[in-house]
Amino acid sequence: MTTGTADTDLSADQATRNRRPRGLIARTAVLTAVFVCAACGLVYELALVALGSYLIGDTIGQASIVVSLMVFAMGVGALVAKPLQRWAAASFVAVELLLAFLGGLSVLVLYAAFAWLSLYMPALIVTALVLGVLIGAEIPILMVLLQRIRKQDAGSAVADLFAADYVGGLVGGLAFPFLLLPLFGLIQGALVVGLLNAAAGIGLVFTVFRTELPGRGKLLLVAGTAVVGGTLGGAFLYADDFELTARQALYSHPVVHAERTPYQEIVLTESKSLGGNQDVRLFLNGDLQFSSVDEYRYHEAMVHPTMAGPREKVLVLGGGDGLALREVLRYPDVREVTLVELDPAVVQLARTDPKVSALNGHAFDDPRVRTVNADAFSWLRSNREKFDVVLVDMPDPDSTATAKLYSAEFYGLVRQAMAEGARLTVQSGSPFFAPKSFWTVEATMRSIGLDTVPYHVPVPSFGDWGFHLAQVSNGTAGSDAPPLRLPQDAPPLRFLDEATLQAAMVFPRDQGRIPGLVPSTLMHPVLLQYAQEEWKNY
């Protein structure tokens, strides 16, 4: 009896030891699936935010819409998952295949909605809600699968599950900007994550829970996996062709150069103008930067009035296309020009593209030019040099990234870089299409002690376009406003003369100064709101 009991206990212990490795492996597999699914879910969310910031420019608005909708939908998904827990294994792989399919294709579909259908925002809302529901359904189903492997109290199971979930979120959040975007870009990066998501779902169920699947269910899931994998793989192979076609749909002229940098999308188009001349156009994130047909109007108006004074040392903030630089270098007494441009790819294009370099007169080859690739705001904070002329040729303040370059804090840094008697000109947008934005630039510049002279000129590609010429005030409002004039030794100009420049200071009644506008600051970027409101219909 004793021996029999001992043998029975030995057999039970052996059976327990034999079960433990399988249970440990299965539990690890479930938590690994949680980790992968969490990483994929966060990448889908970040991809939608990034796409919105690329296409719309409103990073904060896009992030708020995507995050709030997806969090809400995740709660709905958790409720939807309740009846699915009865068939946890089959439900999980079905959810993951559907999530992989929709999440992987989300960027591609939304880009198509933007390029051809003009339905981006409705498509974004639907996509965020559907993805959120599917992501929210994952955790309850995975909880059931985890507890089927090892009976443990709910608190311990939740701790294990959410630990894997949060670590997966960390990895996904870091992998998106530092791995996926540099290696694959936005469209192909989402597709790669979709394939990984599908592999996690099908791999877990078919290795750990395959006995819970009915025969017909296995066939359906295998077929679904083939469809999802084939679709995502095919989309990956043709993603470049799709992006090229979709990009061309956004531009009326043939695209001759396009690249996505860590900062923006750069597009160059070329066509014949109505006059028969070549019309080369540069776009950054879809916004026109110049047309070769009339860019000289803009750059003559911006540069030459600023040069009517000391000008040995010149600072150009922005203007990576080299066109403002071209005008500055026409003055032989300019000793040194420092150009600060965030994106080195813009400068590289301006240096090496035959069309753009011919247009800027190969300005970057001039030995007087020093190019700095840096964020202008950060560069100014560490700058200790003083300059006689400062030209702020930045993109419009219609995104959070550019709005800070029109803030009181930014102009305060610019003022610190101005030598005694220095002059500053800021491109300020259109006083006709965006009057609040235009006059807010002036209010902001004046708030940090600059006396300003507003003026505007017609640039056919842009419309009526405005600038502010400024000089440091001596404390008496308006007493140091710099005279708007051309230098006596100005080179021959195609557009600007004294009469035109004097007329540029006259604003019609419907474009006059708007009272009551407050300065735009880093903490209260009113200019961003105005710019987005005023330009949304153009």
Protein backbone atom coordinates (compact mmCIF):
# COMPACT_ATOMS: atom_id res chain seq x y z
CA MET A 1 0.00 0.00 0.00
CA THR A 2 2.76 2.37 0.93
CA THR A 3 4.70 1.56 -2.19
CA GLY A 4 1.62 2.02 -4.35
CA THR A 5 0.89 5.37 -2.77
CA ALA A 6 4.47 6.48 -3.29
CA ASP A 7 4.34 5.39 -6.90
CA THR A 8 1.10 7.29 -7.38
CA ASP A 9 2.55 10.45 -5.82
CA LEU A 10 5.69 10.08 -7.95
CA SER A 11 3.59 9.76 -11.09
CA ALA A 12 1.55 12.84 -10.14
CA ASP A 13 4.71 14.87 -9.52
CA GLN A 14 6.17 13.74 -12.82
CA ALA A 15 2.97 14.71 -14.63
CA THR A 16 3.06 18.12 -12.99
CA ARG A 17 6.69 18.62 -14.05
CA ASN A 18 5.81 17.53 -17.59
CA ARG A 19 2.96 20.05 -17.73
CA ARG A 20 4.93 23.00 -16.41
CA PRO A 21 7.16 23.64 -19.44
CA ARG A 22 4.18 23.56 -21.77
CA GLY A 23 2.23 25.93 -19.48
CA LEU A 24 5.19 28.29 -19.15
CA ILE A 25 5.77 28.32 -22.91
CA ALA A 26 2.09 28.90 -23.60
CA ARG A 27 1.89 31.73 -21.05
CA THR A 28 5.00 33.33 -22.51
CA ALA A 29 3.47 33.04 -25.98
CA VAL A 30 0.31 34.83 -24.85
CA LEU A 31 2.24 37.64 -23.17
CA THR A 32 4.46 37.96 -26.25
CA ALA A 33 1.32 38.30 -28.36
CA VAL A 34 0.10 41.01 -25.98
CA PHE A 35 3.45 42.78 -26.36
CA VAL A 36 3.39 42.64 -30.18
CA CYS A 37 -0.27 43.64 -30.45
CA ALA A 38 0.27 46.63 -28.15
CA ALA A 39 3.25 47.77 -30.20
CA CYS A 40 1.29 47.42 -33.44
CA GLY A 41 -1.73 49.25 -32.06
CA LEU A 42 0.35 52.23 -30.97
CA VAL A 43 2.09 52.36 -34.34
CA TYR A 44 -1.30 52.53 -36.09
CA GLU A 45 -2.25 55.44 -33.85
CA LEU A 46 1.02 57.30 -34.42
CA ALA A 47 0.80 56.67 -38.18
CA LEU A 48 -2.60 58.36 -38.33
CA VAL A 49 -1.29 61.35 -36.37
CA ALA A 50 1.82 61.61 -38.56
CA LEU A 51 -0.19 61.39 -41.77
CA GLY A 52 -2.53 64.11 -40.60
CA SER A 53 0.37 66.39 -39.71
CA TYR A 54 1.92 65.76 -43.14
CA LEU A 55 -1.27 66.40 -45.10
CA ILE A 56 -3.15 68.91 -42.94
CA GLY A 57 -0.32 70.46 -40.94
CA ASP A 58 -2.26 70.69 -37.65
CA THR A 59 -0.30 68.26 -35.49
CA ILE A 60 -2.07 69.10 -32.22
CA GLY A 61 -5.52 68.97 -33.80
CA GLN A 62 -4.81 65.71 -35.60
CA ALA A 63 -3.34 64.11 -32.47
CA SER A 64 -6.34 65.18 -30.41
CA ILE A 65 -8.83 63.79 -32.91
CA VAL A 66 -7.03 60.46 -33.39
CA VAL A 67 -6.21 59.81 -29.74
CA SER A 68 -9.61 60.78 -28.36
CA LEU A 69 -11.53 58.79 -30.96
CA MET A 70 -9.36 55.71 -30.57
CA VAL A 71 -9.49 55.74 -26.77
CA PHE A 72 -13.28 56.06 -26.88
CA ALA A 73 -13.53 53.28 -29.46
CA MET A 74 -11.26 51.04 -27.37
CA GLY A 75 -13.82 51.22 -24.60
CA VAL A 76 -16.53 50.23 -27.06
CA GLY A 77 -14.33 47.40 -28.30
CA ALA A 78 -13.89 46.05 -24.79
CA LEU A 79 -17.69 45.80 -24.47
CA VAL A 80 -18.05 44.28 -27.93
CA ALA A 81 -15.54 41.59 -26.93
CA LYS A 82 -17.76 40.21 -24.13
CA PRO A 83 -19.78 37.76 -26.27
CA LEU A 84 -16.64 36.82 -28.24
CA GLN A 85 -14.92 35.40 -25.16
CA ARG A 86 -16.86 32.18 -25.57
CA TRP A 87 -14.81 31.46 -28.70
CA ALA A 88 -11.70 33.26 -27.49
CA ALA A 89 -9.10 31.62 -29.74
CA ALA A 90 -11.05 31.97 -32.99
CA SER A 91 -12.21 35.47 -32.04
CA PHE A 92 -8.69 36.61 -31.26
CA VAL A 93 -7.18 35.53 -34.56
CA ALA A 94 -10.17 36.97 -36.45
CA VAL A 95 -9.75 40.32 -34.65
CA GLU A 96 -6.02 40.36 -35.33
CA LEU A 97 -6.42 39.55 -39.02
CA LEU A 98 -9.01 42.28 -39.42
CA LEU A 99 -6.88 44.75 -37.43
CA ALA A 100 -3.79 43.86 -39.44
CA PHE A 101 -5.68 44.30 -42.70
CA LEU A 102 -7.27 47.65 -41.83
CA GLY A 103 -4.35 49.02 -39.82
CA GLY A 104 -1.79 48.04 -42.42
CA LEU A 105 -3.79 49.67 -45.22
CA SER A 106 -4.94 52.67 -43.17
CA VAL A 107 -2.28 55.12 -44.33
CA LEU A 108 -2.62 54.09 -47.96
CA VAL A 109 -6.43 54.39 -47.88
CA LEU A 110 -6.38 57.76 -46.12
CA TYR A 111 -3.81 59.13 -48.55
CA ALA A 112 -6.06 58.03 -51.42
CA ALA A 113 -9.04 59.72 -49.74
CA PHE A 114 -7.00 62.92 -49.48
CA ALA A 115 -5.55 62.84 -53.01
CA TRP A 116 -8.60 61.82 -55.06
CA LEU A 117 -11.77 62.08 -53.00
CA SER A 118 -11.29 65.12 -50.73
CA LEU A 119 -12.78 63.02 -47.93
CA TYR A 120 -9.80 62.87 -45.62
CA MET A 121 -11.44 63.91 -42.35
CA PRO A 122 -14.50 61.62 -42.64
CA ALA A 123 -12.20 58.75 -43.63
CA LEU A 124 -9.88 59.52 -40.70
CA ILE A 125 -12.74 59.50 -38.20
CA VAL A 126 -14.10 56.19 -39.46
CA THR A 127 -10.62 54.62 -39.55
CA ALA A 128 -9.76 55.76 -36.01
CA LEU A 129 -13.05 54.43 -34.64
CA VAL A 130 -12.79 51.03 -36.34
CA LEU A 131 -9.17 50.52 -35.36
CA GLY A 132 -9.96 51.61 -31.80
CA VAL A 133 -12.79 49.07 -31.51
CA LEU A 134 -10.53 46.26 -32.72
CA ILE A 135 -7.64 47.26 -30.42
CA GLY A 136 -10.04 47.50 -27.48
CA ALA A 137 -11.33 43.98 -28.15
CA GLU A 138 -7.85 42.46 -27.86
CA ILE A 139 -7.26 42.73 -24.12
CA PRO A 140 -10.46 41.01 -22.83
CA ILE A 141 -9.98 38.12 -25.25
CA LEU A 142 -6.29 37.78 -24.36
CA MET A 143 -7.23 37.79 -20.68
CA VAL A 144 -9.45 34.76 -21.27
CA LEU A 145 -6.68 32.96 -23.17
CA LEU A 146 -4.16 33.74 -20.43
CA GLN A 147 -6.37 32.36 -17.68
CA ARG A 148 -7.07 29.20 -19.65
CA ILE A 149 -3.37 28.38 -19.48
CA ARG A 150 -2.84 29.08 -15.82
CA LYS A 151 -5.45 29.65 -13.17
CA GLN A 152 -4.50 32.77 -11.24
CA ASP A 153 -6.34 35.50 -9.46
CA ALA A 154 -7.69 38.32 -11.58
CA GLY A 155 -5.35 40.95 -10.12
CA SER A 156 -2.25 38.93 -10.94
CA ALA A 157 -3.47 38.17 -14.46
CA VAL A 158 -4.28 41.83 -15.11
CA ALA A 159 -0.83 42.85 -13.84
CA ASP A 160 0.91 40.41 -16.18
CA LEU A 161 -1.24 41.42 -19.12
CA PHE A 162 -0.86 45.16 -18.71
CA ALA A 163 2.86 44.93 -18.03
CA ALA A 164 3.33 43.26 -21.41
CA ASP A 165 0.91 45.74 -22.99
CA TYR A 166 2.71 48.83 -21.68
CA VAL A 167 6.16 47.54 -22.60
CA GLY A 168 4.84 46.80 -26.10
CA GLY A 169 3.53 50.35 -26.30
CA LEU A 170 6.96 51.68 -25.36
CA VAL A 171 8.69 49.64 -28.05
CA GLY A 172 6.10 50.54 -30.68
CA GLY A 173 6.28 54.23 -29.80
CA LEU A 174 10.07 54.29 -30.15
CA ALA A 175 10.22 52.04 -33.19
CA PHE A 176 7.85 54.24 -35.20
CA PRO A 177 10.01 57.39 -35.56
CA PHE A 178 13.45 55.81 -35.20
CA LEU A 179 13.09 52.57 -37.15
CA LEU A 180 9.96 52.26 -39.27
CA LEU A 181 9.86 55.76 -40.77
CA PRO A 182 13.56 55.91 -41.71
CA LEU A 183 13.60 52.37 -43.15
CA PHE A 184 10.21 52.09 -44.81
CA GLY A 185 8.41 55.43 -44.81
CA LEU A 186 4.85 55.95 -43.64
CA ILE A 187 2.91 53.81 -46.12
CA GLN A 188 5.23 50.80 -46.19
CA GLY A 189 5.92 51.09 -42.46
CA ALA A 190 2.22 50.65 -41.69
CA LEU A 191 2.08 47.65 -44.05
CA VAL A 192 5.05 45.99 -42.33
CA VAL A 193 3.37 46.44 -38.97
CA GLY A 194 0.17 44.95 -40.39
CA LEU A 195 2.05 41.83 -41.47
CA LEU A 196 3.64 41.57 -38.02
CA ASN A 197 0.23 41.99 -36.39
CA ALA A 198 -1.26 39.19 -38.50
CA ALA A 199 1.69 36.91 -37.73
CA ALA A 200 1.26 37.49 -33.98
CA GLY A 201 -2.41 36.58 -34.08
CA ILE A 202 -2.21 33.53 -36.28
CA GLY A 203 1.01 32.34 -34.65
CA LEU A 204 -0.41 32.36 -31.11
CA VAL A 205 -3.64 30.58 -31.97
CA PHE A 206 -2.18 27.94 -34.25
CA THR A 207 0.70 27.06 -31.91
CA VAL A 208 -0.99 27.23 -28.50
CA PHE A 209 -4.75 27.05 -29.01
CA ARG A 210 -5.09 25.08 -32.22
CA THR A 211 -7.12 22.35 -30.47
CA GLU A 212 -9.83 24.90 -29.70
CA LEU A 213 -10.46 25.59 -33.36
CA PRO A 214 -13.01 23.49 -35.29
CA GLY A 215 -11.87 22.03 -38.60
CA ARG A 216 -13.89 24.47 -40.69
CA GLY A 217 -12.68 27.32 -38.51
CA LYS A 218 -9.07 26.41 -39.19
CA LEU A 219 -9.68 26.45 -42.93
CA LEU A 220 -11.39 29.84 -42.74
CA LEU A 221 -8.58 31.33 -40.67
CA VAL A 222 -5.94 29.93 -43.00
CA ALA A 223 -7.81 31.43 -45.95
CA GLY A 224 -8.16 34.74 -44.12
CA THR A 225 -4.47 34.75 -43.33
CA ALA A 226 -3.63 34.16 -46.99
CA VAL A 227 -5.89 37.02 -48.08
CA VAL A 228 -4.54 39.45 -45.49
CA GLY A 229 -0.90 38.49 -46.06
CA GLY A 230 -1.26 38.56 -49.83
CA THR A 231 -3.01 41.94 -49.82
CA LEU A 232 -0.54 43.59 -47.47
CA GLY A 233 2.42 42.07 -49.27
CA GLY A 234 1.14 43.17 -52.66
CA ALA A 235 0.43 46.65 -51.35
CA PHE A 236 3.99 46.79 -50.00
CA LEU A 237 5.43 45.94 -53.42
CA TYR A 238 3.35 48.58 -55.21
CA ALA A 239 3.44 51.24 -52.49
CA ASP A 240 6.00 53.40 -54.30
CA ASP A 241 3.96 53.39 -57.51
CA PHE A 242 0.82 54.23 -55.57
CA GLU A 243 2.52 57.10 -53.74
CA LEU A 244 3.84 58.51 -57.00
CA THR A 245 0.40 58.39 -58.61
CA ALA A 246 -1.34 59.86 -55.57
CA ARG A 247 1.24 62.61 -55.24
CA GLN A 248 0.83 63.57 -58.87
CA ALA A 249 -2.93 63.83 -58.34
CA LEU A 250 -2.26 66.61 -55.81
CA TYR A 251 -0.33 68.77 -58.26
CA SER A 252 -1.52 70.31 -61.51
CA HIS A 253 1.99 70.20 -63.02
CA PRO A 254 4.21 67.14 -63.64
CA VAL A 255 6.30 66.15 -60.62
CA VAL A 256 10.01 65.98 -61.52
CA HIS A 257 11.42 65.46 -58.03
CA ALA A 258 9.90 64.22 -54.78
CA GLU A 259 11.34 63.06 -51.50
CA ARG A 260 10.21 62.58 -47.93
CA THR A 261 12.70 63.83 -45.35
CA PRO A 262 12.50 63.60 -41.55
CA TYR A 263 11.03 67.11 -41.64
CA GLN A 264 8.72 67.37 -44.63
CA GLU A 265 7.79 66.29 -48.14
CA ILE A 266 9.72 68.10 -50.87
CA VAL A 267 8.16 68.22 -54.34
CA LEU A 268 9.44 69.96 -57.46
CA THR A 269 7.20 70.36 -60.49
CA GLU A 270 7.90 71.67 -63.98
CA SER A 271 5.68 72.74 -66.85
CA LYS A 272 5.22 75.44 -69.46
CA SER A 273 3.66 78.69 -68.27
CA LEU A 274 1.06 80.60 -70.26
CA GLY A 275 3.86 82.73 -71.67
CA GLY A 276 5.74 79.68 -72.87
CA ASN A 277 8.44 79.87 -70.17
CA GLN A 278 9.43 76.96 -67.96
CA ASP A 279 7.51 77.13 -64.70
CA VAL A 280 9.48 75.36 -61.96
CA ARG A 281 7.65 75.19 -58.63
CA LEU A 282 8.81 74.03 -55.20
CA PHE A 283 6.32 72.67 -52.68
CA LEU A 284 6.99 71.81 -49.04
CA ASN A 285 4.28 69.63 -47.48
CA GLY A 286 2.02 70.66 -50.33
CA ASP A 287 2.49 74.43 -49.80
CA LEU A 288 3.89 76.41 -52.73
CA GLN A 289 7.25 78.02 -51.92
CA PHE A 290 8.01 79.63 -55.26
CA SER A 291 7.24 79.64 -58.95
CA SER A 292 10.14 80.45 -61.26
CA VAL A 293 7.80 82.63 -63.32
CA ASP A 294 7.36 85.31 -60.66
CA GLU A 295 9.53 84.47 -57.64
CA TYR A 296 11.73 87.49 -58.41
CA ARG A 297 8.85 89.79 -57.34
CA TYR A 298 8.70 88.20 -53.91
CA HIS A 299 12.45 88.08 -53.34
CA GLU A 300 13.21 91.56 -54.66
CA ALA A 301 10.51 93.00 -52.39
CA MET A 302 11.78 91.09 -49.37
CA VAL A 303 15.52 91.60 -49.71
CA HIS A 304 16.37 94.96 -51.26
CA PRO A 305 14.54 97.33 -48.87
CA THR A 306 16.34 95.58 -46.01
CA MET A 307 19.71 96.26 -47.66
CA ALA A 308 19.29 100.05 -47.51
CA GLY A 309 21.62 100.40 -44.54
CA PRO A 310 24.54 98.53 -42.96
CA ARG A 311 24.87 95.13 -44.63
CA GLU A 312 28.29 93.62 -44.12
CA LYS A 313 26.90 90.68 -42.14
CA VAL A 314 23.60 89.17 -43.22
CA LEU A 315 21.52 86.46 -41.56
CA VAL A 316 18.92 84.54 -43.56
CA LEU A 317 16.57 82.36 -41.51
CA GLY A 318 14.88 79.83 -43.79
CA GLY A 319 15.16 80.46 -47.50
CA GLY A 320 16.88 77.14 -48.19
CA ASP A 321 16.04 77.46 -51.90
CA GLY A 322 18.76 80.13 -52.16
CA LEU A 323 16.60 82.70 -53.94
CA ALA A 324 16.74 85.35 -51.22
CA LEU A 325 20.43 84.52 -50.93
CA ARG A 326 20.85 85.28 -54.64
CA GLU A 327 19.52 88.81 -54.14
CA VAL A 328 21.69 89.43 -51.06
CA LEU A 329 24.84 88.38 -52.90
CA ARG A 330 24.24 90.97 -55.62
CA TYR A 331 25.79 93.52 -53.24
CA PRO A 332 29.59 93.25 -53.46
CA ASP A 333 30.12 94.88 -50.05
CA VAL A 334 28.31 92.05 -48.28
CA ARG A 335 31.14 90.32 -46.46
CA GLU A 336 29.42 87.32 -44.91
CA VAL A 337 26.04 85.62 -45.15
CA THR A 338 24.82 82.98 -42.70
CA LEU A 339 21.86 80.93 -43.85
CA VAL A 340 20.06 78.78 -41.26
CA GLU A 341 17.84 76.10 -42.80
CA LEU A 342 16.34 73.21 -40.85
CA ASP A 343 16.19 70.63 -43.66
CA PRO A 344 19.53 69.86 -45.33
CA ALA A 345 17.65 68.19 -48.19
CA VAL A 346 16.25 71.57 -49.28
CA VAL A 347 19.73 73.06 -49.45
CA GLN A 348 21.02 69.98 -51.25
CA LEU A 349 18.27 70.33 -53.84
CA ALA A 350 19.08 74.02 -54.27
CA ARG A 351 22.76 73.22 -54.72
CA THR A 352 22.51 70.26 -57.09
CA ASP A 353 19.27 70.40 -59.06
CA PRO A 354 20.12 72.13 -62.36
CA LYS A 355 16.80 73.98 -62.52
CA VAL A 356 16.89 75.31 -58.96
CA SER A 357 20.62 76.07 -58.88
CA ALA A 358 20.32 78.01 -62.15
CA LEU A 359 17.43 79.94 -60.66
CA ASN A 360 19.36 80.89 -57.53
CA GLY A 361 22.48 81.74 -59.53
CA HIS A 362 24.50 78.98 -57.79
CA ALA A 363 24.36 81.12 -54.66
CA PHE A 364 25.58 78.36 -52.35
CA ASP A 365 28.89 78.21 -54.24
CA ASP A 366 29.73 81.78 -53.19
CA PRO A 367 32.56 81.71 -50.60
CA ARG A 368 30.79 84.38 -48.55
CA VAL A 369 27.99 81.96 -47.70
CA ARG A 370 27.93 79.83 -44.56
CA THR A 371 25.11 77.29 -44.34
CA VAL A 372 23.87 75.98 -41.00
CA ASN A 373 21.41 73.09 -40.87
CA ALA A 374 19.56 73.69 -37.64
CA ASP A 375 16.24 74.74 -36.18
CA ALA A 376 16.29 78.54 -36.34
CA PHE A 377 14.74 78.93 -32.88
CA SER A 378 17.32 76.68 -31.22
CA TRP A 379 20.17 78.18 -33.24
CA LEU A 380 19.27 81.71 -32.19
CA ARG A 381 19.26 80.70 -28.52
CA SER A 382 22.94 79.75 -28.72
CA ASN A 383 23.99 82.43 -31.21
CA ARG A 384 26.31 85.19 -30.01
CA GLU A 385 26.94 86.96 -33.32
CA LYS A 386 25.43 90.28 -34.39
CA PHE A 387 24.12 90.93 -37.88
CA ASP A 388 23.40 94.07 -39.88
CA VAL A 389 20.55 92.51 -41.88
CA VAL A 390 18.18 89.73 -40.86
CA LEU A 391 15.76 88.13 -43.34
CA VAL A 392 13.12 85.76 -41.93
CA ASP A 393 11.89 83.75 -44.90
CA MET A 394 9.92 81.01 -43.15
CA PRO A 395 6.94 78.90 -44.30
CA ASP A 396 3.53 80.18 -43.25
CA PRO A 397 2.55 79.65 -39.58
CA ASP A 398 -0.17 77.08 -40.34
CA SER A 399 1.36 74.26 -38.25
CA THR A 400 2.67 73.96 -34.72
CA ALA A 401 6.20 73.49 -36.05
CA THR A 402 6.19 76.82 -37.92
CA ALA A 403 3.97 78.85 -35.57
CA LYS A 404 6.79 79.10 -33.01
CA LEU A 405 8.85 80.90 -35.69
CA TYR A 406 6.32 83.74 -35.59
CA SER A 407 6.12 84.03 -31.81
CA ALA A 408 7.16 86.92 -29.58
CA GLU A 409 9.84 84.67 -28.11
CA PHE A 410 11.30 84.01 -31.55
CA TYR A 411 11.35 87.69 -32.51
CA GLY A 412 12.99 88.43 -29.16
CA LEU A 413 15.81 86.07 -30.10
CA VAL A 414 16.05 87.70 -33.53
CA ARG A 415 16.32 91.11 -31.89
CA GLN A 416 19.25 89.89 -29.79
CA ALA A 417 21.05 88.95 -33.01
CA MET A 418 20.61 92.43 -34.52
CA ALA A 419 23.54 94.83 -34.43
CA GLU A 420 23.02 98.53 -33.77
CA GLY A 421 21.13 100.04 -36.70
CA ALA A 422 20.28 96.60 -38.10
CA ARG A 423 17.18 96.06 -40.21
CA LEU A 424 14.87 93.06 -40.26
CA THR A 425 12.29 91.87 -42.78
CA VAL A 426 9.76 89.11 -42.11
CA GLN A 427 7.59 87.47 -44.75
CA SER A 428 4.13 87.81 -43.26
CA GLY A 429 1.63 86.15 -45.57
CA SER A 430 -1.24 87.71 -47.45
CA PRO A 431 -3.01 90.78 -46.04
CA PHE A 432 -5.93 89.94 -48.35
CA PHE A 433 -6.42 86.19 -47.83
CA ALA A 434 -5.19 86.12 -44.22
CA PRO A 435 -5.51 89.64 -42.77
CA LYS A 436 -5.63 88.61 -39.09
CA SER A 437 -2.49 86.56 -39.57
CA PHE A 438 -0.70 89.40 -41.33
CA TRP A 439 -1.49 92.05 -38.74
CA THR A 440 -0.84 89.67 -35.84
CA VAL A 441 2.74 89.35 -37.10
CA GLU A 442 3.06 93.11 -36.73
CA ALA A 443 1.48 93.10 -33.25
CA THR A 444 3.88 90.36 -32.20
CA MET A 445 6.96 92.14 -33.53
CA ARG A 446 5.97 95.40 -31.87
CA SER A 447 5.38 93.64 -28.55
CA ILE A 448 9.13 92.95 -28.18
CA GLY A 449 10.28 96.46 -29.07
CA LEU A 450 10.49 96.53 -32.86
CA ASP A 451 9.17 99.43 -34.91
CA THR A 452 7.62 98.08 -38.10
CA VAL A 453 6.65 99.21 -41.57
CA PRO A 454 4.11 96.93 -43.29
CA TYR A 455 4.05 96.68 -47.07
CA HIS A 456 2.66 94.37 -49.74
CA VAL A 457 3.20 93.56 -53.41
CA PRO A 458 1.41 91.47 -56.03
CA VAL A 459 2.96 88.05 -56.66
CA PRO A 460 0.68 86.26 -59.15
CA SER A 461 1.46 82.75 -57.86
CA PHE A 462 0.62 83.78 -54.29
CA GLY A 463 -1.71 86.73 -54.75
CA ASP A 464 -1.29 89.88 -52.68
CA TRP A 465 1.69 89.20 -50.40
CA GLY A 466 3.00 91.15 -47.46
CA PHE A 467 6.11 91.81 -45.41
CA HIS A 468 7.16 93.77 -42.34
CA LEU A 469 10.36 95.80 -42.32
CA ALA A 470 11.54 96.49 -38.78
CA GLN A 471 14.20 98.13 -36.69
CA VAL A 472 14.84 98.14 -32.93
CA SER A 473 12.81 100.85 -31.21
CA ASN A 474 14.38 103.48 -28.97
CA GLY A 475 11.37 103.36 -26.67
CA THR A 476 9.17 105.92 -28.40
CA ALA A 477 6.52 104.18 -30.48
CA GLY A 478 7.05 104.73 -34.18
CA SER A 479 10.07 106.98 -33.73
CA ASP A 480 12.53 104.50 -35.19
CA ALA A 481 10.38 103.04 -37.96
CA PRO A 482 12.86 102.44 -40.79
CA PRO A 483 12.19 104.25 -44.06
CA LEU A 484 11.00 101.92 -46.80
CA ARG A 485 13.32 102.63 -49.70
CA LEU A 486 15.79 101.01 -52.06
CA PRO A 487 19.54 101.34 -51.54
CA GLN A 488 21.12 104.03 -53.69
CA ASP A 489 23.42 101.42 -55.15
CA ALA A 490 20.73 98.79 -55.69
CA PRO A 491 21.45 96.54 -58.68
CA PRO A 492 19.10 96.56 -61.68
CA LEU A 493 15.79 94.99 -60.67
CA ARG A 494 13.09 93.38 -62.79
CA PHE A 495 10.10 94.41 -60.68
CA LEU A 496 10.80 96.80 -57.84
CA ASP A 497 11.44 100.54 -58.09
CA GLU A 498 10.95 103.46 -55.73
CA ALA A 499 7.46 104.27 -56.97
CA THR A 500 6.32 100.68 -56.58
CA LEU A 501 7.86 100.48 -53.12
CA GLN A 502 6.14 103.65 -51.94
CA ALA A 503 2.82 102.37 -53.26
CA ALA A 504 3.43 99.10 -51.40
CA MET A 505 2.87 100.92 -48.09
CA VAL A 506 -0.70 101.81 -49.04
CA PHE A 507 -3.37 99.37 -47.90
CA PRO A 508 -6.95 99.52 -49.19
CA ARG A 509 -9.72 100.00 -46.64
CA ASP A 510 -10.60 96.31 -46.67
CA GLN A 511 -6.99 95.34 -45.87
CA GLY A 512 -6.19 97.93 -43.22
CA ARG A 513 -4.72 97.31 -39.79
CA ILE A 514 -7.03 95.30 -37.53
CA PRO A 515 -7.21 96.75 -34.00
CA GLY A 516 -7.20 94.65 -30.85
CA LEU A 517 -4.98 91.82 -32.05
CA VAL A 518 -2.75 90.31 -29.37
CA PRO A 519 0.81 89.04 -29.84
CA SER A 520 1.33 85.38 -30.67
CA THR A 521 3.46 83.53 -28.10
CA LEU A 522 4.73 80.01 -27.56
CA MET A 523 2.10 79.36 -24.89
CA HIS A 524 -0.69 81.18 -26.74
CA PRO A 525 -0.07 80.77 -30.51
CA VAL A 526 -3.05 82.79 -31.73
CA LEU A 527 -1.38 83.13 -35.11
CA LEU A 528 -1.68 79.37 -35.66
CA GLN A 529 -5.44 79.54 -35.12
CA TYR A 530 -5.83 82.53 -37.43
CA ALA A 531 -3.70 80.98 -40.18
CA GLN A 532 -5.61 77.71 -40.14
CA GLU A 533 -8.98 79.45 -40.18
CA GLU A 534 -8.11 81.95 -42.90
CA TRP A 535 -6.36 79.54 -45.27
CA LYS A 536 -8.67 76.52 -44.92
CA ASN A 537 -10.72 77.44 -48.01
CA TYR A 538 -7.73 78.13 -50.25
